[in-house]
Protein backbone atom coordinates (compact mmCIF):
# COMPACT_ATOMS: atom_id res chain seq x y z
CA MET A 1 -91.02 15.67 124.44
CA LEU A 2 -88.16 13.33 123.59
CA LEU A 3 -84.51 14.26 124.07
CA LEU A 4 -82.84 12.61 121.09
CA ASN A 5 -79.13 12.12 120.50
CA LYS A 6 -79.10 12.63 116.73
CA PRO A 7 -76.42 10.63 114.92
CA VAL A 8 -74.09 11.96 112.25
CA GLY A 9 -75.22 11.36 108.67
CA ILE A 10 -78.96 12.06 108.74
CA THR A 11 -81.00 15.24 108.64
CA SER A 12 -82.91 16.50 111.65
CA ASN A 13 -86.16 15.90 109.77
CA ALA A 14 -85.20 12.28 109.01
CA ALA A 15 -84.45 11.73 112.70
CA LEU A 16 -87.79 13.33 113.60
CA GLN A 17 -89.73 11.16 111.16
CA LYS A 18 -88.08 7.97 112.45
CA ALA A 19 -88.87 8.88 116.06
CA LYS A 20 -92.41 9.87 115.07
CA TRP A 21 -92.93 6.45 113.47
CA LEU A 22 -91.43 4.60 116.45
CA LEU A 23 -93.72 6.48 118.84
CA ASN A 24 -96.77 6.22 116.57
CA ALA A 25 -97.25 9.98 116.84
CA ARG A 26 -99.46 12.00 114.49
CA LYS A 27 -97.99 15.46 115.11
CA ALA A 28 -94.31 16.18 115.65
CA GLY A 29 -91.64 18.88 115.36
CA HIS A 30 -88.06 19.58 116.43
CA THR A 31 -86.64 22.56 118.27
CA GLY A 32 -83.65 23.61 116.17
CA THR A 33 -82.05 21.94 113.17
CA LEU A 34 -78.74 20.11 113.33
CA ASP A 35 -76.87 19.71 110.04
CA PRO A 36 -76.38 16.14 108.76
CA PHE A 37 -72.66 16.19 109.65
CA ALA A 38 -73.50 17.25 113.24
CA ASP A 39 -74.72 15.12 116.11
CA GLY A 40 -75.97 15.61 119.63
CA LEU A 41 -79.01 16.91 121.46
CA LEU A 42 -82.13 17.32 119.31
CA PRO A 43 -85.26 17.80 121.42
CA LEU A 44 -88.35 16.50 119.60
CA CYS A 45 -91.91 17.51 120.42
CA PHE A 46 -95.01 15.39 119.85
CA GLY A 47 -98.72 16.11 120.02
CA GLU A 48 -99.68 19.02 122.27
CA ALA A 49 -96.03 19.67 123.19
CA THR A 50 -95.47 21.13 119.70
CA LYS A 51 -97.42 24.20 120.88
CA PHE A 52 -94.57 25.02 123.25
CA SER A 53 -91.58 24.08 121.07
CA ALA A 54 -90.80 27.73 120.26
CA TYR A 55 -89.71 28.34 123.85
CA LEU A 56 -86.90 25.81 123.48
CA LEU A 57 -86.18 26.82 119.88
CA GLU A 58 -85.38 30.32 121.17
CA ALA A 59 -83.25 29.09 124.10
CA ASP A 60 -79.44 29.22 124.31
CA LYS A 61 -77.50 26.32 122.82
CA HIS A 62 -74.15 24.75 123.76
CA TYR A 63 -71.80 23.09 121.26
CA ARG A 64 -68.50 21.23 121.07
CA ALA A 65 -66.97 22.33 117.76
CA VAL A 66 -63.93 20.82 116.01
CA MET A 67 -62.21 23.11 113.48
CA GLN A 68 -59.57 22.38 110.88
CA LEU A 69 -57.37 25.37 110.22
CA GLY A 70 -55.91 26.00 106.78
CA VAL A 71 -58.78 24.60 104.72
CA THR A 72 -61.93 26.46 103.65
CA THR A 73 -64.94 24.80 102.02
CA THR A 74 -68.01 26.01 100.17
CA THR A 75 -70.28 25.11 103.08
CA GLY A 76 -67.97 25.74 106.03
CA ASP A 77 -68.18 22.06 106.95
CA PRO A 78 -66.89 18.70 105.60
CA GLU A 79 -69.83 18.31 103.19
CA GLY A 80 -68.65 21.16 100.95
CA GLU A 81 -66.02 21.35 98.24
CA ILE A 82 -62.58 22.65 99.16
CA LEU A 83 -62.14 26.29 98.20
CA ASP A 84 -58.62 26.98 99.43
CA THR A 85 -55.76 25.33 101.30
CA ARG A 86 -53.11 27.30 103.17
CA GLU A 87 -50.18 26.55 105.40
CA VAL A 88 -50.92 26.94 109.08
CA HIS A 89 -48.46 28.87 111.21
CA VAL A 90 -50.68 29.43 114.21
CA SER A 91 -49.83 28.88 117.85
CA HIS A 92 -51.94 28.20 120.91
CA ASP A 93 -51.40 31.81 122.00
CA ASP A 94 -52.45 33.12 118.58
CA ILE A 95 -55.79 31.35 118.91
CA LEU A 96 -56.32 32.54 122.47
CA ALA A 97 -55.61 36.08 121.29
CA VAL A 98 -58.36 36.15 118.63
CA LEU A 99 -61.15 34.40 120.56
CA PRO A 100 -62.15 37.47 122.61
CA ARG A 101 -63.13 39.21 119.34
CA PHE A 102 -65.95 36.69 118.98
CA LYS A 103 -67.37 36.86 122.50
CA GLY A 104 -70.43 38.90 123.36
CA GLU A 105 -72.73 40.40 120.75
CA ILE A 106 -71.31 39.92 117.25
CA GLU A 107 -72.58 40.08 113.68
CA GLN A 108 -72.73 37.07 111.39
CA ILE A 109 -73.54 36.83 107.71
CA PRO A 110 -75.73 33.72 107.38
CA PRO A 111 -74.25 31.04 105.12
CA MET A 112 -75.67 30.43 101.66
CA HIS A 113 -75.96 26.74 102.56
CA SER A 114 -78.72 27.30 105.11
CA ALA A 115 -82.50 26.98 105.38
CA LEU A 116 -83.10 30.72 105.64
CA LYS A 117 -85.68 31.83 103.09
CA HIS A 118 -85.28 34.34 100.23
CA GLN A 119 -88.43 35.00 98.21
CA GLY A 120 -89.97 31.85 99.61
CA ARG A 121 -87.06 29.55 98.77
CA PRO A 122 -84.32 28.32 101.14
CA LEU A 123 -80.89 29.78 100.50
CA TYR A 124 -79.35 26.35 99.92
CA GLU A 125 -81.43 25.97 96.74
CA TYR A 126 -79.85 29.12 95.33
CA ALA A 127 -76.42 27.91 96.46
CA ARG A 128 -76.85 24.59 94.67
CA ALA A 129 -77.77 26.51 91.51
CA GLY A 130 -74.64 28.63 91.82
CA ILE A 131 -76.56 31.79 92.72
CA GLU A 132 -75.22 34.08 95.44
CA ILE A 133 -77.85 36.06 97.39
CA ASP A 134 -76.94 39.17 99.34
CA ARG A 135 -77.51 38.42 103.05
CA PRO A 136 -77.55 41.20 105.62
CA PRO A 137 -75.57 40.49 108.81
CA ARG A 138 -77.49 39.38 111.89
CA LYS A 139 -76.66 40.00 115.53
CA VAL A 140 -76.09 36.98 117.75
CA THR A 141 -74.50 36.62 121.18
CA ILE A 142 -71.63 34.29 122.02
CA ARG A 143 -71.96 33.95 125.78
CA SER A 144 -68.95 31.68 126.20
CA LEU A 145 -66.11 30.61 123.85
CA GLU A 146 -63.53 28.31 125.40
CA LEU A 147 -60.48 26.64 123.86
CA VAL A 148 -60.70 22.95 124.80
CA ALA A 149 -57.87 21.49 122.70
CA CYS A 150 -55.26 22.98 120.42
CA ASP A 151 -53.09 20.88 118.14
CA PRO A 152 -53.02 22.89 114.90
CA PRO A 153 -54.47 22.43 112.39
CA ARG A 154 -57.04 20.81 114.73
CA VAL A 155 -58.74 23.09 117.25
CA VAL A 156 -61.60 22.21 119.61
CA LEU A 157 -63.91 24.86 121.07
CA ASP A 158 -66.82 24.89 123.50
CA VAL A 159 -69.45 27.45 122.52
CA GLN A 160 -72.51 28.76 124.36
CA CYS A 161 -74.60 31.03 122.15
CA THR A 162 -78.02 32.44 121.47
CA ALA A 163 -80.45 30.78 119.09
CA GLY A 164 -79.76 31.48 115.43
CA THR A 165 -75.97 31.38 115.74
CA TYR A 166 -74.19 29.56 112.92
CA ILE A 167 -71.21 27.69 114.35
CA ARG A 168 -69.96 27.03 110.79
CA THR A 169 -69.81 30.77 110.24
CA LEU A 170 -68.10 31.28 113.59
CA ALA A 171 -65.38 28.78 112.60
CA GLN A 172 -64.92 30.44 109.21
CA ASP A 173 -64.66 33.89 110.82
CA ILE A 174 -62.13 32.70 113.40
CA GLY A 175 -60.08 31.11 110.60
CA ALA A 176 -60.18 34.36 108.66
CA ALA A 177 -59.04 36.31 111.74
CA LEU A 178 -56.10 33.90 112.07
CA GLY A 179 -55.21 34.47 108.41
CA CYS A 180 -55.31 30.81 107.41
CA GLY A 181 -59.00 30.03 107.01
CA ALA A 182 -60.91 27.18 108.67
CA HIS A 183 -63.94 24.94 108.48
CA LEU A 184 -65.81 22.69 110.90
CA THR A 185 -65.01 18.99 110.76
CA ALA A 186 -67.35 17.97 113.61
CA LEU A 187 -70.08 19.55 115.70
CA THR A 188 -71.94 18.21 118.71
CA ARG A 189 -74.80 20.01 120.44
CA THR A 190 -74.24 19.34 124.11
CA ALA A 191 -77.13 21.33 125.62
CA ALA A 192 -80.23 23.33 124.74
CA GLY A 193 -82.10 25.42 127.26
CA GLY A 194 -82.08 23.46 130.51
CA PHE A 195 -81.50 20.07 128.84
CA SER A 196 -78.20 18.27 128.28
CA LEU A 197 -76.91 15.57 125.96
CA GLU A 198 -76.44 13.24 128.94
CA GLN A 199 -80.25 13.04 129.20
CA ALA A 200 -80.74 12.07 125.55
CA HIS A 201 -81.52 8.72 123.93
CA THR A 202 -80.46 7.34 120.56
CA LEU A 203 -82.81 6.15 117.82
CA ALA A 204 -81.24 2.69 118.10
CA ASP A 205 -82.02 2.55 121.82
CA LEU A 206 -85.58 3.73 121.18
CA GLU A 207 -86.07 1.13 118.46
CA ALA A 208 -84.78 -1.63 120.74
CA LEU A 209 -87.60 -1.03 123.22
CA GLU A 210 -90.98 -2.67 123.00
CA ALA A 211 -93.59 -0.30 121.54
CA ASN A 212 -95.40 0.04 124.87
CA GLN A 213 -92.13 0.96 126.65
CA ARG A 214 -91.12 3.85 124.37
CA GLN A 215 -93.63 6.26 125.89
CA SER A 216 -91.73 6.06 129.19
CA TRP A 217 -88.88 8.07 127.62
CA LEU A 218 -91.15 11.00 126.82
CA GLN A 219 -91.12 14.05 129.08
CA PRO A 220 -94.30 16.07 129.76
CA ALA A 221 -95.07 19.13 127.64
CA ASP A 222 -94.67 21.53 130.54
CA CYS A 223 -90.95 20.74 130.84
CA LEU A 224 -90.51 23.04 127.83
CA VAL A 225 -91.75 26.01 129.85
CA ALA A 226 -90.46 25.08 133.30
CA HIS A 227 -88.59 28.40 133.49
CA LEU A 228 -91.90 30.33 133.68
CA PRO A 229 -93.73 31.15 136.94
CA LEU A 230 -96.37 28.61 138.02
CA LEU A 231 -99.96 29.30 139.04
CA GLN A 232 -102.60 26.83 140.22
CA LEU A 233 -106.24 27.63 139.44
CA ASP A 234 -109.43 26.63 141.16
CA GLU A 235 -112.20 24.85 139.28
CA THR A 236 -114.04 28.01 138.25
CA ASP A 237 -110.94 29.71 136.81
CA THR A 238 -109.82 26.49 135.14
CA THR A 239 -113.14 26.25 133.31
CA ALA A 240 -112.98 29.88 132.22
CA LEU A 241 -109.40 29.60 130.97
CA CYS A 242 -110.10 26.40 129.03
CA GLN A 243 -113.02 28.18 127.36
CA GLY A 244 -110.63 30.91 126.22
CA ARG A 245 -111.83 33.55 128.67
CA SER A 246 -109.58 35.88 130.66
CA ILE A 247 -109.63 35.63 134.44
CA ASN A 248 -108.79 38.06 137.24
CA TYR A 249 -105.24 38.00 138.60
CA SER A 250 -103.69 39.91 141.51
CA GLY A 251 -100.37 38.09 141.89
CA PRO A 252 -96.83 39.50 141.71
CA HIS A 253 -95.86 38.22 138.24
CA ALA A 254 -96.26 39.82 134.83
CA GLY A 255 -95.89 38.19 131.43
CA LEU A 256 -96.21 34.51 130.60
CA MET A 257 -97.11 32.00 133.31
CA ARG A 258 -97.74 28.25 133.49
CA MET A 259 -101.31 27.35 134.42
CA TYR A 260 -102.26 24.20 136.36
CA THR A 261 -105.42 22.81 137.88
CA SER A 262 -105.70 22.27 141.63
CA THR A 263 -104.69 18.65 140.94
CA ASN A 264 -101.53 19.71 139.08
CA ARG A 265 -102.71 19.04 135.53
CA PHE A 266 -100.94 21.34 133.08
CA LEU A 267 -103.37 23.60 131.22
CA GLY A 268 -101.02 25.73 129.16
CA LEU A 269 -99.83 29.33 129.24
CA ALA A 270 -101.52 32.62 130.05
CA HIS A 271 -100.24 36.19 129.96
CA ALA A 272 -100.55 38.25 133.13
CA ASP A 273 -101.14 41.95 132.60
CA ALA A 274 -103.25 44.72 134.16
CA GLY A 275 -104.96 42.43 136.66
CA GLN A 276 -105.94 39.84 134.05
CA LEU A 277 -104.71 36.43 132.91
CA VAL A 278 -105.22 36.10 129.16
CA PRO A 279 -104.96 32.55 127.71
CA GLN A 280 -102.12 32.17 125.19
CA ARG A 281 -101.31 28.52 124.51
CA LEU A 282 -103.62 25.88 125.95
CA ILE A 283 -103.56 22.10 125.98
CA ALA A 284 -106.48 20.83 123.90
CA THR A 285 -109.50 19.06 125.40
CA GLN A 286 -108.68 19.93 128.99
CA GLN A 287 -111.65 19.91 131.32
CA ALA A 288 -112.09 21.52 134.71
């Protein structure tokens, strides 16, 4: 797994493909899209690590968001066309007063300019064709929403939220609550799961390395599931698990667990239930 600091101006997939080429990887995936106008932490998975990418995809995310009050756009960000411009008569206290409405569990209507699918096609394709699709609201959780800087019409927020939260929509909704409208002008993902932007590398830095040095920036696949309980197996149980067979288990944990050999080689994940460990996601070609 590579912690990438995605630059502004390219898609997450373009960043993934460049990193994949630089690392000479055959299989790759990312763990949560960043829009082209956004930058920051984009964890990329390669090879067997892609089997565990969902655990980071579903993790909480942290963002630094810059809003411009008084201007709304078709996309909720600087890439869209301006819909409306209003005068801004909003104070620091006004903003502090509305933020609590958006903390905790809230409902969001996903933006039309998003990759969510409708009848097999992403919503942004309908949006580009001028077609509006009815989108039911979705529940997300804003765990933290802090005002970092306030110099209207520019407002800077720090956001910690569950996966699936649209920060563009959050900015639009806050602008609507203030009565002047708003859109995002910049967005940086500062953390995802247990990883932070300070740990990330840029594509330029990766490209500057010799090909045989780039692998040293990769983190092992099991770092994606480090939050799960760990269990070491003896040779007999390792063989059984790698062959896809359940094994007996009498430990204190239930649910998903990380499996390792007696020599600390990561095997994958198994689910503990009713005295059994059932293999779930295993590293390919592991031997006892």
